[in-house]
C-alpha atoms as a PDB file:
ATOM      1  CA  MET A   1     128.380  99.452 101.847  1.00  0.00           C
ATOM      2  CA  SER A   2     125.487 101.271 102.235  1.00  0.00           C
ATOM      3  CA  GLN A   3     125.634 102.051  98.412  1.00  0.00           C
ATOM      4  CA  SER A   4     125.462  98.340  97.848  1.00  0.00           C
ATOM      5  CA  LEU A   5     122.377  98.110 100.125  1.00  0.00           C
ATOM      6  CA  ALA A   6     120.557 101.359  98.013  1.00  0.00           C
ATOM      7  CA  GLU A   7     121.131  99.009  94.907  1.00  0.00           C
ATOM      8  CA  ILE A   8     120.329  95.884  96.341  1.00  0.00           C
ATOM      9  CA  SER A   9     116.792  97.782  97.708  1.00  0.00           C
ATOM     10  CA  ALA A  10     116.704  99.530  93.957  1.00  0.00           C
ATOM     11  CA  LYS A  11     116.928  95.909  92.240  1.00  0.00           C
ATOM     12  CA  ILE A  12     114.805  93.998  94.693  1.00  0.00           C
ATOM     13  CA  THR A  13     112.077  96.888  93.779  1.00  0.00           C
ATOM     14  CA  GLN A  14     112.641  96.683  90.378  1.00  0.00           C
ATOM     15  CA  ILE A  15     111.602  93.072  90.417  1.00  0.00           C
ATOM     16  CA  LEU A  16     108.912  92.960  92.992  1.00  0.00           C
ATOM     17  CA  LEU A  17     106.699  95.769  93.016  1.00  0.00           C
ATOM     18  CA  PRO A  18     106.302  95.324  88.949  1.00  0.00           C
ATOM     19  CA  MET A  19     104.527  91.867  89.997  1.00  0.00           C
ATOM     20  CA  ILE A  20     102.751  92.953  93.148  1.00  0.00           C
ATOM     21  CA  ILE A  21     100.988  95.736  90.441  1.00  0.00           C
ATOM     22  CA  VAL A  22      99.975  93.217  87.987  1.00  0.00           C
ATOM     23  CA  ALA A  23      98.716  90.917  90.176  1.00  0.00           C
ATOM     24  CA  GLY A  24      96.561  93.826  92.367  1.00  0.00           C
ATOM     25  CA  VAL A  25      95.291  94.615  89.166  1.00  0.00           C
ATOM     26  CA  VAL A  26      94.548  91.462  87.340  1.00  0.00           C
ATOM     27  CA  GLY A  27      92.907  89.732  90.959  1.00  0.00           C
ATOM     28  CA  ASN A  28      90.945  93.724  91.709  1.00  0.00           C
ATOM     29  CA  SER A  29      89.392  93.423  87.919  1.00  0.00           C
ATOM     30  CA  LEU A  30      88.471  89.641  88.036  1.00  0.00           C
ATOM     31  CA  ASN A  31      86.490  90.586  91.603  1.00  0.00           C
ATOM     32  CA  ILE A  32      84.866  93.483  90.054  1.00  0.00           C
ATOM     33  CA  ILE A  33      83.765  91.246  87.279  1.00  0.00           C
ATOM     34  CA  ILE A  34      82.868  88.310  89.185  1.00  0.00           C
ATOM     35  CA  LEU A  35      81.047  90.449  91.886  1.00  0.00           C
ATOM     36  CA  ASN A  36      79.016  92.201  89.153  1.00  0.00           C
ATOM     37  CA  ARG A  37      77.472  88.866  87.908  1.00  0.00           C
ATOM     38  CA  PRO A  38      73.671  88.950  88.384  1.00  0.00           C
ATOM     39  CA  ASN A  39      73.723  85.940  91.175  1.00  0.00           C
ATOM     40  CA  LEU A  40      76.341  88.105  93.368  1.00  0.00           C
ATOM     41  CA  ARG A  41      74.637  91.625  92.670  1.00  0.00           C
ATOM     42  CA  ASN A  42      71.838  91.053  94.823  1.00  0.00           C
ATOM     43  CA  HIS A  43      73.613  90.361  98.160  1.00  0.00           C
ATOM     44  CA  ALA A  44      74.761  93.496 100.308  1.00  0.00           C
ATOM     45  CA  CYS A  45      77.630  91.866 101.362  1.00  0.00           C
ATOM     46  CA  SER A  46      78.889  91.529  97.160  1.00  0.00           C
ATOM     47  CA  LYS A  47      78.623  95.476  97.049  1.00  0.00           C
ATOM     48  CA  TYR A  48      80.865  95.979 100.310  1.00  0.00           C
ATOM     49  CA  PHE A  49      83.409  93.660  98.369  1.00  0.00           C
ATOM     50  CA  LEU A  50      82.550  95.391  95.247  1.00  0.00           C
ATOM     51  CA  ALA A  51      83.448  98.755  96.492  1.00  0.00           C
ATOM     52  CA  LEU A  52      86.633  97.055  98.347  1.00  0.00           C
ATOM     53  CA  ALA A  53      87.615  95.693  94.907  1.00  0.00           C
ATOM     54  CA  SER A  54      87.219  99.111  93.295  1.00  0.00           C
ATOM     55  CA  SER A  55      88.952 100.878  95.863  1.00  0.00           C
ATOM     56  CA  ASN A  56      92.197  98.531  95.934  1.00  0.00           C
ATOM     57  CA  LEU A  57      92.373  98.530  91.895  1.00  0.00           C
ATOM     58  CA  ILE A  58      92.455 102.253  91.929  1.00  0.00           C
ATOM     59  CA  TYR A  59      95.468 102.350  94.875  1.00  0.00           C
ATOM     60  CA  SER A  60      97.099  99.381  92.863  1.00  0.00           C
ATOM     61  CA  ILE A  61      97.415 101.475  89.734  1.00  0.00           C
ATOM     62  CA  PHE A  62      99.198 104.284  92.160  1.00  0.00           C
ATOM     63  CA  VAL A  63     101.833 102.065  93.388  1.00  0.00           C
ATOM     64  CA  ILE A  64     102.857 102.711  89.815  1.00  0.00           C
ATOM     65  CA  ASN A  65     104.256 106.447  91.249  1.00  0.00           C
ATOM     66  CA  TYR A  66     106.126 104.301  93.877  1.00  0.00           C
ATOM     67  CA  PHE A  67     107.692 101.580  91.499  1.00  0.00           C
ATOM     68  CA  LEU A  68     108.992 104.675  89.911  1.00  0.00           C
ATOM     69  CA  SER A  69     109.868 106.694  92.074  1.00  0.00           C
ATOM     70  CA  ASN A  70     111.904 104.240  94.537  1.00  0.00           C
ATOM     71  CA  GLY A  71     113.024 101.673  91.130  1.00  0.00           C
ATOM     72  CA  PHE A  72     113.947 104.407  88.575  1.00  0.00           C
ATOM     73  CA  ASN A  73     114.451 107.498  90.339  1.00  0.00           C
ATOM     74  CA  ILE A  74     111.121 109.307  88.536  1.00  0.00           C
ATOM     75  CA  ASN A  75     108.876 110.509  91.205  1.00  0.00           C
ATOM     76  CA  GLY A  76     105.450 112.204  90.091  1.00  0.00           C
ATOM     77  CA  GLN A  77     104.699 113.560  93.127  1.00  0.00           C
ATOM     78  CA  MET A  78     107.851 115.721  92.461  1.00  0.00           C
ATOM     79  CA  VAL A  79     106.558 117.038  89.122  1.00  0.00           C
ATOM     80  CA  SER A  80     104.113 119.701  90.786  1.00  0.00           C
ATOM     81  CA  ASN A  81     102.881 121.418  93.760  1.00  0.00           C
ATOM     82  CA  ALA A  82      99.093 119.775  92.626  1.00  0.00           C
ATOM     83  CA  LEU A  83     100.226 116.618  91.564  1.00  0.00           C
ATOM     84  CA  CYS A  84     101.894 115.988  95.357  1.00  0.00           C
ATOM     85  CA  LYS A  85      98.880 116.740  97.039  1.00  0.00           C
ATOM     86  CA  ILE A  86      96.660 114.550  94.578  1.00  0.00           C
ATOM     87  CA  LEU A  87      98.640 111.858  94.389  1.00  0.00           C
ATOM     88  CA  GLN A  88      98.906 111.957  97.963  1.00  0.00           C
ATOM     89  CA  TYR A  89      95.072 112.901  98.490  1.00  0.00           C
ATOM     90  CA  THR A  90      93.939 109.747  96.713  1.00  0.00           C
ATOM     91  CA  GLY A  91      96.206 107.248  97.682  1.00  0.00           C
ATOM     92  CA  ASN A  92      95.677 107.772 101.383  1.00  0.00           C
ATOM     93  CA  ILE A  93      91.655 107.687 101.045  1.00  0.00           C
ATOM     94  CA  CYS A  94      92.293 104.122  99.053  1.00  0.00           C
ATOM     95  CA  ALA A  95      94.202 103.206 101.749  1.00  0.00           C
ATOM     96  CA  PHE A  96      91.446 104.158 104.798  1.00  0.00           C
ATOM     97  CA  LEU A  97      88.774 102.711 102.240  1.00  0.00           C
ATOM     98  CA  SER A  98      90.110  99.375 102.467  1.00  0.00           C
ATOM     99  CA  PRO A  99      89.671  98.240 106.000  1.00  0.00           C
ATOM    100  CA  TYR A 100      86.601  99.939 106.741  1.00  0.00           C
ATOM    101  CA  PHE A 101      84.963  98.464 103.202  1.00  0.00           C
ATOM    102  CA  ILE A 102      85.984  94.879 105.112  1.00  0.00           C
ATOM    103  CA  ILE A 103      84.548  95.954 109.132  1.00  0.00           C
ATOM    104  CA  LEU A 104      80.845  96.999 106.833  1.00  0.00           C
ATOM    105  CA  ALA A 105      81.091  93.507 105.282  1.00  0.00           C
ATOM    106  CA  SER A 106      81.376  91.763 108.801  1.00  0.00           C
ATOM    107  CA  ILE A 107      78.866  94.153 110.062  1.00  0.00           C
ATOM    108  CA  ASP A 108      76.562  92.884 107.542  1.00  0.00           C
ATOM    109  CA  ARG A 109      77.332  89.259 108.223  1.00  0.00           C
ATOM    110  CA  PHE A 110      76.591  90.204 111.919  1.00  0.00           C
ATOM    111  CA  CYS A 111      73.693  91.472 110.896  1.00  0.00           C
ATOM    112  CA  ALA A 112      72.740  88.813 108.769  1.00  0.00           C
ATOM    113  CA  SER A 113      73.058  86.041 110.958  1.00  0.00           C
ATOM    114  CA  SER A 114      71.364  87.818 113.994  1.00  0.00           C
ATOM    115  CA  THR A 115      67.690  86.516 115.244  1.00  0.00           C
ATOM    116  CA  ASN A 116      66.968  89.322 115.613  1.00  0.00           C
ATOM    117  CA  ALA A 117      64.641  90.840 112.594  1.00  0.00           C
ATOM    118  CA  ARG A 118      65.501  94.256 113.574  1.00  0.00           C
ATOM    119  CA  LEU A 119      69.109  93.681 113.061  1.00  0.00           C
ATOM    120  CA  GLN A 120      68.645  91.672 109.586  1.00  0.00           C
ATOM    121  CA  ARG A 121      66.502  94.102 108.020  1.00  0.00           C
ATOM    122  CA  PHE A 122      70.180  95.778 107.683  1.00  0.00           C
ATOM    123  CA  SER A 123      71.687  93.361 105.950  1.00  0.00           C
ATOM    124  CA  ASN A 124      70.331  94.620 102.475  1.00  0.00           C
ATOM    125  CA  ILE A 125      71.441  96.368  99.374  1.00  0.00           C
ATOM    126  CA  VAL A 126      70.076 100.083  99.880  1.00  0.00           C
ATOM    127  CA  VAL A 127      71.926 100.075 103.366  1.00  0.00           C
ATOM    128  CA  ALA A 128      74.862  98.523 102.060  1.00  0.00           C
ATOM    129  CA  LYS A 129      75.001 101.444  99.456  1.00  0.00           C
ATOM    130  CA  TYR A 130      74.234 104.167 102.193  1.00  0.00           C
ATOM    131  CA  PHE A 131      77.020 103.196 104.221  1.00  0.00           C
ATOM    132  CA  ILE A 132      79.623 102.755 101.614  1.00  0.00           C
ATOM    133  CA  LEU A 133      78.480 106.603 100.389  1.00  0.00           C
ATOM    134  CA  ILE A 134      78.909 107.562 103.704  1.00  0.00           C
ATOM    135  CA  VAL A 135      82.443 106.285 104.664  1.00  0.00           C
ATOM    136  CA  VAL A 136      83.541 107.682 101.254  1.00  0.00           C
ATOM    137  CA  ILE A 137      82.015 110.902 101.937  1.00  0.00           C
ATOM    138  CA  TYR A 138      83.797 110.703 105.221  1.00  0.00           C
ATOM    139  CA  SER A 139      87.153 109.490 103.478  1.00  0.00           C
ATOM    140  CA  LEU A 140      87.049 112.487 101.486  1.00  0.00           C
ATOM    141  CA  LEU A 141      86.630 114.968 103.991  1.00  0.00           C
ATOM    142  CA  TRP A 142      89.388 113.609 106.530  1.00  0.00           C
ATOM    143  CA  TYR A 143      91.913 113.757 104.264  1.00  0.00           C
ATOM    144  CA  ILE A 144      90.711 117.010 102.494  1.00  0.00           C
ATOM    145  CA  ASN A 145      93.951 118.573 104.775  1.00  0.00           C
ATOM    146  CA  ILE A 146      96.472 116.671 102.830  1.00  0.00           C
ATOM    147  CA  LEU A 147      95.173 119.094  99.622  1.00  0.00           C
ATOM    148  CA  VAL A 148      95.914 122.144 102.127  1.00  0.00           C
ATOM    149  CA  LEU A 149      99.078 121.439 104.077  1.00  0.00           C
ATOM    150  CA  TYR A 150     101.088 118.789 102.077  1.00  0.00           C
ATOM    151  CA  GLU A 151     103.629 121.063 100.082  1.00  0.00           C
ATOM    152  CA  LEU A 152     106.556 120.261  97.512  1.00  0.00           C
ATOM    153  CA  ARG A 153     109.766 121.742  98.197  1.00  0.00           C
ATOM    154  CA  ASP A 154     113.566 120.601  97.072  1.00  0.00           C
ATOM    155  CA  ASP A 155     114.891 120.193 100.512  1.00  0.00           C
ATOM    156  CA  GLY A 156     115.019 116.432 100.312  1.00  0.00           C
ATOM    157  CA  TYR A 157     111.695 115.959 102.215  1.00  0.00           C
ATOM    158  CA  GLY A 158     109.783 116.363  98.707  1.00  0.00           C
ATOM    159  CA  CYS A 159     106.133 115.909  99.161  1.00  0.00           C
ATOM    160  CA  ALA A 160     105.585 116.246 102.261  1.00  0.00           C
ATOM    161  CA  LEU A 161     103.238 117.765 105.878  1.00  0.00           C
ATOM    162  CA  ARG A 162     105.777 120.240 106.932  1.00  0.00           C
ATOM    163  CA  SER A 163     104.285 121.888 109.705  1.00  0.00           C
ATOM    164  CA  LYS A 164     105.282 120.395 113.406  1.00  0.00           C
ATOM    165  CA  SER A 165     101.865 122.213 115.154  1.00  0.00           C
ATOM    166  CA  ILE A 166      99.789 120.581 117.565  1.00  0.00           C
ATOM    167  CA  PHE A 167      97.027 120.215 114.992  1.00  0.00           C
ATOM    168  CA  ASN A 168      99.096 118.242 112.919  1.00  0.00           C
ATOM    169  CA  GLN A 169     100.668 115.882 114.995  1.00  0.00           C
ATOM    170  CA  VAL A 170      96.832 115.404 116.859  1.00  0.00           C
ATOM    171  CA  LEU A 171      95.853 114.921 113.307  1.00  0.00           C
ATOM    172  CA  LEU A 172      98.381 112.299 112.457  1.00  0.00           C
ATOM    173  CA  LEU A 173      97.853 110.494 115.752  1.00  0.00           C
ATOM    174  CA  ILE A 174      93.993 110.131 115.193  1.00  0.00           C
ATOM    175  CA  GLN A 175      94.935 109.088 111.658  1.00  0.00           C
ATOM    176  CA  ALA A 176      97.181 106.241 113.109  1.00  0.00           C
ATOM    177  CA  LEU A 177      94.492 104.708 115.397  1.00  0.00           C
ATOM    178  CA  LEU A 178      92.012 105.360 112.420  1.00  0.00           C
ATOM    179  CA  PHE A 179      93.810 102.782 110.104  1.00  0.00           C
ATOM    180  CA  ALA A 180      96.036 100.771 112.540  1.00  0.00           C
ATOM    181  CA  ALA A 181      93.588 100.562 115.608  1.00  0.00           C
ATOM    182  CA  VAL A 182      90.277 100.569 114.959  1.00  0.00           C
ATOM    183  CA  PRO A 183      89.915  98.527 112.012  1.00  0.00           C
ATOM    184  CA  PRO A 184      91.587  95.188 113.379  1.00  0.00           C
ATOM    185  CA  ILE A 185      89.664  95.608 116.824  1.00  0.00           C
ATOM    186  CA  LEU A 186      85.744  96.089 114.924  1.00  0.00           C
ATOM    187  CA  ILE A 187      86.741  93.058 112.257  1.00  0.00           C
ATOM    188  CA  LEU A 188      87.467  90.727 115.508  1.00  0.00           C
ATOM    189  CA  MET A 189      84.650  91.987 117.780  1.00  0.00           C
ATOM    190  CA  PHE A 190      82.019  92.066 114.814  1.00  0.00           C
ATOM    191  CA  GLY A 191      83.569  88.339 113.855  1.00  0.00           C
ATOM    192  CA  PHE A 192      83.204  86.973 117.250  1.00  0.00           C
ATOM    193  CA  LEU A 193      79.773  88.399 117.512  1.00  0.00           C
ATOM    194  CA  THR A 194      79.055  86.662 113.959  1.00  0.00           C
ATOM    195  CA  ILE A 195      80.283  83.073 114.871  1.00  0.00           C
ATOM    196  CA  TYR A 196      78.154  83.529 118.698  1.00  0.00           C
ATOM    197  CA  ASN A 197      75.169  83.984 116.155  1.00  0.00           C
ATOM    198  CA  THR A 198      75.605  81.205 114.019  1.00  0.00           C
ATOM    199  CA  THR A 199      76.348  78.952 116.766  1.00  0.00           C
ATOM    200  CA  ARG A 200      73.554  80.451 118.949  1.00  0.00           C
ATOM    201  CA  SER A 201      70.848  79.655 115.641  1.00  0.00           C
END
């Protein structure tokens, strides 16, 4: 029974993942093309969505490794320890960046809709570029532990974090909070504040 479920899962992966990858690559490529048009290039919010589309495009390409691993038992992370670390590092960073670029776009819309002139000044291209740079640098530094702690071993776990220290457990808890709890709360908060600003004005 478990053998047939594994075969069904592999077949579904072989059918669905290529469609998801193609849709992700085509959709994000079109977003990048559209957001680079001259009439959209001068808006701060477009910069955040351009950064989001670029990050998602890279992530869509990295999903190919997951597809090959689960659909055809060809795992790029099992080739070498360096490739294991690089694939994990890049995949985690791209997944982490996406919600934070949406948060930045929400904050930009809140500032643009505000009646406060000081807040409105935050909705410009220069500030957007600085915030994008800050979020990218923070993500690169936050996930630097992957390059140190992840290891490739032939023990059934493959490329994974092995240590059970308190540091790793706290780190995983903080990463889960930063990835799953903080973004929805901030997006909801700035979304409601933007609605409040627009109804008030």
